[in-house]
């Protein structure tokens, strides 16, 4: 009988060790941390259980940390929503976005671009040319996004949306702004940190922020 046959027999007869409990103290196996030291089968099982408990504790700590982070982000998104509800114009919506994203979310560079039927005006009803300036190719790219884009700037034009900070932008998030089924602009977040907005990162809250921004801008443009 070889080792595989013994292992198969024990799997097929799980009550074997219960019927021969004396083996727990008679059989010895290598210590999991000290290979040269022999310990009883019962002690080895205890080590295995301790390892499982430590792994579960680490997993629980990770889940608690994620939960706390999500609660913190949800609170910030709620504050942003309240600020946008109080905004009375497209310009004040834009300023509310910039303030909240910089102060609450620590995003250093924020850009809002509008096109189509959107009316970009300031508090005095004057046109805001800084809210335009997006090429047709860039518009088509943004309109084709089904979720926020995260990663490095894909063109000089995209980096240029952040003004004087353009040379320092290493990562960004692009979020289409949609209302009534049509894309009328974008919200862009930029950072000098390469890993701030990276491909594959979660975009749930980015999408929700874009939805809030789009709803507020569309309502003020009407």
Protein backbone atom coordinates (compact mmCIF):
# COMPACT_ATOMS: atom_id res chain seq x y z
CA UNK A 1 0.00 0.00 0.00
CA UNK A 2 1.49 3.34 -1.02
CA UNK A 3 0.89 6.85 0.35
CA UNK A 4 -1.85 7.68 -2.16
CA UNK A 5 -3.79 4.56 -1.24
CA UNK A 6 -3.52 5.41 2.46
CA UNK A 7 -4.75 8.97 1.80
CA UNK A 8 -7.62 7.68 -0.33
CA UNK A 9 -8.62 5.17 2.36
CA UNK A 10 -8.72 7.90 5.03
CA UNK A 11 -10.86 10.13 2.80
CA UNK A 12 -13.26 7.27 2.13
CA UNK A 13 -13.38 6.32 5.83
CA UNK A 14 -13.50 9.65 7.74
CA UNK A 15 -14.53 7.85 10.93
CA UNK A 16 -11.31 5.79 11.00
CA UNK A 17 -9.46 8.10 13.38
CA UNK A 18 -12.52 8.33 15.61
CA UNK A 19 -12.45 4.56 15.92
CA UNK A 20 -8.69 4.62 16.56
CA UNK A 21 -8.28 7.80 18.57
CA UNK A 22 -5.11 6.48 20.21
CA UNK A 23 -3.32 7.22 16.93
CA UNK A 24 -3.59 10.94 17.60
CA UNK A 25 -0.97 10.63 20.32
CA UNK A 26 1.08 7.87 18.73
CA UNK A 27 1.51 9.28 15.21
CA UNK A 28 3.96 12.12 14.71
CA UNK A 29 4.32 14.62 11.87
CA UNK A 30 6.81 17.44 11.16
CA UNK A 31 6.24 20.75 12.92
CA UNK A 32 4.81 23.29 10.40
CA UNK A 33 7.43 25.92 11.36
CA UNK A 34 10.25 23.67 12.51
CA UNK A 35 10.67 20.86 9.99
CA UNK A 36 13.11 18.85 12.08
CA UNK A 37 10.85 18.70 15.11
CA UNK A 38 8.21 15.95 15.36
CA UNK A 39 4.85 16.63 16.98
CA UNK A 40 1.71 14.59 17.51
CA UNK A 41 -1.07 14.53 14.94
CA UNK A 42 -3.37 16.31 17.41
CA UNK A 43 -0.85 19.11 17.92
CA UNK A 44 -0.39 19.43 14.17
CA UNK A 45 -4.15 19.75 13.76
CA UNK A 46 -4.15 22.48 16.40
CA UNK A 47 -1.53 24.41 14.43
CA UNK A 48 -3.64 24.07 11.29
CA UNK A 49 -6.71 25.43 13.11
CA UNK A 50 -4.70 28.37 14.45
CA UNK A 51 -3.51 29.19 10.92
CA UNK A 52 -7.11 29.15 9.69
CA UNK A 53 -8.20 31.40 12.54
CA UNK A 54 -5.42 33.90 11.76
CA UNK A 55 -6.42 33.92 8.08
CA UNK A 56 -10.07 34.53 9.02
CA UNK A 57 -9.08 37.34 11.39
CA UNK A 58 -7.08 39.02 8.63
CA UNK A 59 -10.01 38.68 6.23
CA UNK A 60 -12.40 40.13 8.80
CA UNK A 61 -10.06 43.08 9.44
CA UNK A 62 -9.89 43.71 5.70
CA UNK A 63 -13.69 43.63 5.35
CA UNK A 64 -14.10 46.02 8.29
CA UNK A 65 -11.56 48.41 6.73
CA UNK A 66 -13.36 48.32 3.38
CA UNK A 67 -16.67 48.95 5.12
CA UNK A 68 -15.28 51.96 6.99
CA UNK A 69 -13.79 53.37 3.79
CA UNK A 70 -17.11 52.96 1.95
CA UNK A 71 -18.99 54.65 4.80
CA UNK A 72 -16.55 57.56 4.62
CA UNK A 73 -16.96 57.90 0.84
CA UNK A 74 -20.76 57.66 1.13
CA UNK A 75 -20.74 60.53 3.63
CA UNK A 76 -18.66 62.67 1.25
CA UNK A 77 -20.93 61.89 -1.70
CA UNK A 78 -23.92 62.86 0.45
CA UNK A 79 -22.31 66.22 1.28
CA UNK A 80 -21.62 66.76 -2.42
CA UNK A 81 -25.26 66.03 -3.27
CA UNK A 82 -26.45 68.57 -0.69
CA UNK A 83 -24.05 71.21 -2.03
CA UNK A 84 -25.24 70.66 -5.60
CA UNK A 85 -28.89 70.97 -4.53
CA UNK A 86 -28.10 74.41 -3.13
CA UNK A 87 -26.28 75.54 -6.29
CA UNK A 88 -28.31 78.07 -8.26
CA UNK A 89 -26.48 78.20 -11.60
CA UNK A 90 -24.19 76.19 -13.87
CA UNK A 91 -21.25 78.18 -12.56
CA UNK A 92 -22.14 77.51 -8.92
CA UNK A 93 -22.62 73.80 -9.67
CA UNK A 94 -19.16 73.74 -11.23
CA UNK A 95 -17.66 75.56 -8.26
CA UNK A 96 -19.43 73.23 -5.84
CA UNK A 97 -17.98 70.23 -7.68
CA UNK A 98 -14.47 71.68 -7.63
CA UNK A 99 -14.65 72.57 -3.94
CA UNK A 100 -16.07 69.23 -2.84
CA UNK A 101 -13.71 67.13 -4.94
CA UNK A 102 -10.66 69.09 -3.80
CA UNK A 103 -11.57 69.49 -0.13
CA UNK A 104 -13.44 66.26 0.62
CA UNK A 105 -11.92 63.85 -1.89
CA UNK A 106 -8.43 65.39 -2.12
CA UNK A 107 -8.55 65.54 -5.93
CA UNK A 108 -6.09 68.32 -6.85
CA UNK A 109 -7.28 69.03 -10.40
CA UNK A 110 -10.89 69.16 -11.63
CA UNK A 111 -12.21 70.13 -15.07
CA UNK A 112 -15.78 70.41 -16.37
CA UNK A 113 -16.50 70.55 -20.11
CA UNK A 114 -19.93 71.04 -21.71
CA UNK A 115 -21.27 70.89 -25.27
CA UNK A 116 -24.42 70.14 -27.23
CA UNK A 117 -27.49 71.95 -25.95
CA UNK A 118 -25.91 72.67 -22.56
CA UNK A 119 -25.81 76.34 -21.65
CA UNK A 120 -22.58 77.24 -19.87
CA UNK A 121 -23.16 80.56 -18.17
CA UNK A 122 -21.83 82.22 -15.05
CA UNK A 123 -23.82 83.87 -12.26
CA UNK A 124 -24.30 86.99 -14.44
CA UNK A 125 -25.65 85.01 -17.39
CA UNK A 126 -22.45 85.37 -19.42
CA UNK A 127 -21.04 82.52 -21.50
CA UNK A 128 -18.26 80.48 -19.93
CA UNK A 129 -15.80 79.66 -22.77
CA UNK A 130 -13.56 77.75 -20.35
CA UNK A 131 -16.28 75.10 -20.12
CA UNK A 132 -16.02 74.36 -23.85
CA UNK A 133 -12.91 73.64 -25.93
CA UNK A 134 -13.33 69.90 -26.60
CA UNK A 135 -12.52 68.49 -30.03
CA UNK A 136 -15.02 66.38 -31.96
CA UNK A 137 -12.78 63.30 -31.57
CA UNK A 138 -12.59 63.78 -27.79
CA UNK A 139 -16.36 64.21 -27.59
CA UNK A 140 -16.96 60.98 -29.48
CA UNK A 141 -14.53 59.19 -27.18
CA UNK A 142 -16.27 60.45 -24.04
CA UNK A 143 -19.75 59.76 -25.45
CA UNK A 144 -18.69 56.16 -26.13
CA UNK A 145 -17.67 55.50 -22.52
CA UNK A 146 -20.06 53.22 -20.65
CA UNK A 147 -18.24 53.73 -17.36
CA UNK A 148 -15.63 56.19 -16.10
CA UNK A 149 -12.21 55.90 -17.73
CA UNK A 150 -9.28 55.68 -15.32
CA UNK A 151 -5.64 55.73 -16.38
CA UNK A 152 -2.98 57.88 -17.98
CA UNK A 153 -3.92 60.84 -20.22
CA UNK A 154 -4.42 59.51 -23.74
CA UNK A 155 -3.62 62.76 -25.54
CA UNK A 156 -2.14 66.22 -25.13
CA UNK A 157 -5.65 67.65 -25.48
CA UNK A 158 -6.96 65.67 -22.51
CA UNK A 159 -4.07 66.76 -20.27
CA UNK A 160 -4.62 70.32 -21.47
CA UNK A 161 -8.06 70.39 -19.88
CA UNK A 162 -6.30 70.96 -16.56
CA UNK A 163 -4.67 74.23 -17.61
CA UNK A 164 -1.30 75.03 -16.08
CA UNK A 165 -1.27 71.67 -14.29
CA UNK A 166 -1.25 69.80 -17.63
CA UNK A 167 2.49 68.87 -17.58
CA UNK A 168 2.06 67.29 -14.14
CA UNK A 169 -1.00 65.12 -14.83
CA UNK A 170 0.00 61.44 -14.60
CA UNK A 171 -3.41 59.85 -14.09
CA UNK A 172 -7.00 60.94 -14.54
CA UNK A 173 -10.63 59.88 -14.43
CA UNK A 174 -13.01 60.85 -17.23
CA UNK A 175 -16.73 60.71 -16.50
CA UNK A 176 -19.40 61.35 -19.14
CA UNK A 177 -22.20 63.68 -18.09
CA UNK A 178 -25.54 62.44 -19.41
CA UNK A 179 -29.11 63.71 -19.18
CA UNK A 180 -32.21 62.41 -20.93
CA UNK A 181 -30.11 59.73 -22.59
CA UNK A 182 -27.64 62.14 -24.21
CA UNK A 183 -24.06 62.97 -23.29
CA UNK A 184 -23.64 66.74 -22.96
CA UNK A 185 -20.26 67.03 -21.27
CA UNK A 186 -17.64 65.48 -19.04
CA UNK A 187 -16.17 65.71 -15.58
CA UNK A 188 -12.41 65.12 -15.49
CA UNK A 189 -10.31 64.51 -12.37
CA UNK A 190 -6.53 64.71 -12.58
CA UNK A 191 -3.60 63.83 -10.33
CA UNK A 192 0.19 63.95 -10.42
CA UNK A 193 0.18 60.47 -8.84
CA UNK A 194 0.39 57.63 -11.37
CA UNK A 195 -1.66 55.27 -9.21
CA UNK A 196 -4.38 57.71 -8.12
CA UNK A 197 -6.63 56.73 -11.04
CA UNK A 198 -5.55 53.42 -12.51
CA UNK A 199 -7.08 50.95 -15.01
CA UNK A 200 -9.19 48.35 -13.24
CA UNK A 201 -9.97 50.42 -10.16
CA UNK A 202 -13.50 50.49 -8.80
CA UNK A 203 -15.63 53.20 -10.41
CA UNK A 204 -18.92 52.85 -8.52
CA UNK A 205 -18.62 56.15 -6.65
CA UNK A 206 -17.07 57.95 -9.63
CA UNK A 207 -20.17 57.00 -11.60
CA UNK A 208 -22.47 58.24 -8.85
CA UNK A 209 -20.64 61.55 -8.63
CA UNK A 210 -20.96 61.94 -12.40
CA UNK A 211 -24.71 61.22 -12.17
CA UNK A 212 -25.14 63.89 -9.47
CA UNK A 213 -23.10 66.41 -11.43
CA UNK A 214 -25.00 65.73 -14.66
CA UNK A 215 -28.40 66.07 -12.98
CA UNK A 216 -27.42 69.36 -11.30
CA UNK A 217 -25.90 70.85 -14.47
CA UNK A 218 -28.82 69.80 -16.68
CA UNK A 219 -31.34 71.25 -14.23
CA UNK A 220 -29.53 74.62 -14.06
CA UNK A 221 -29.15 74.76 -17.86
CA UNK A 222 -32.90 74.41 -18.48
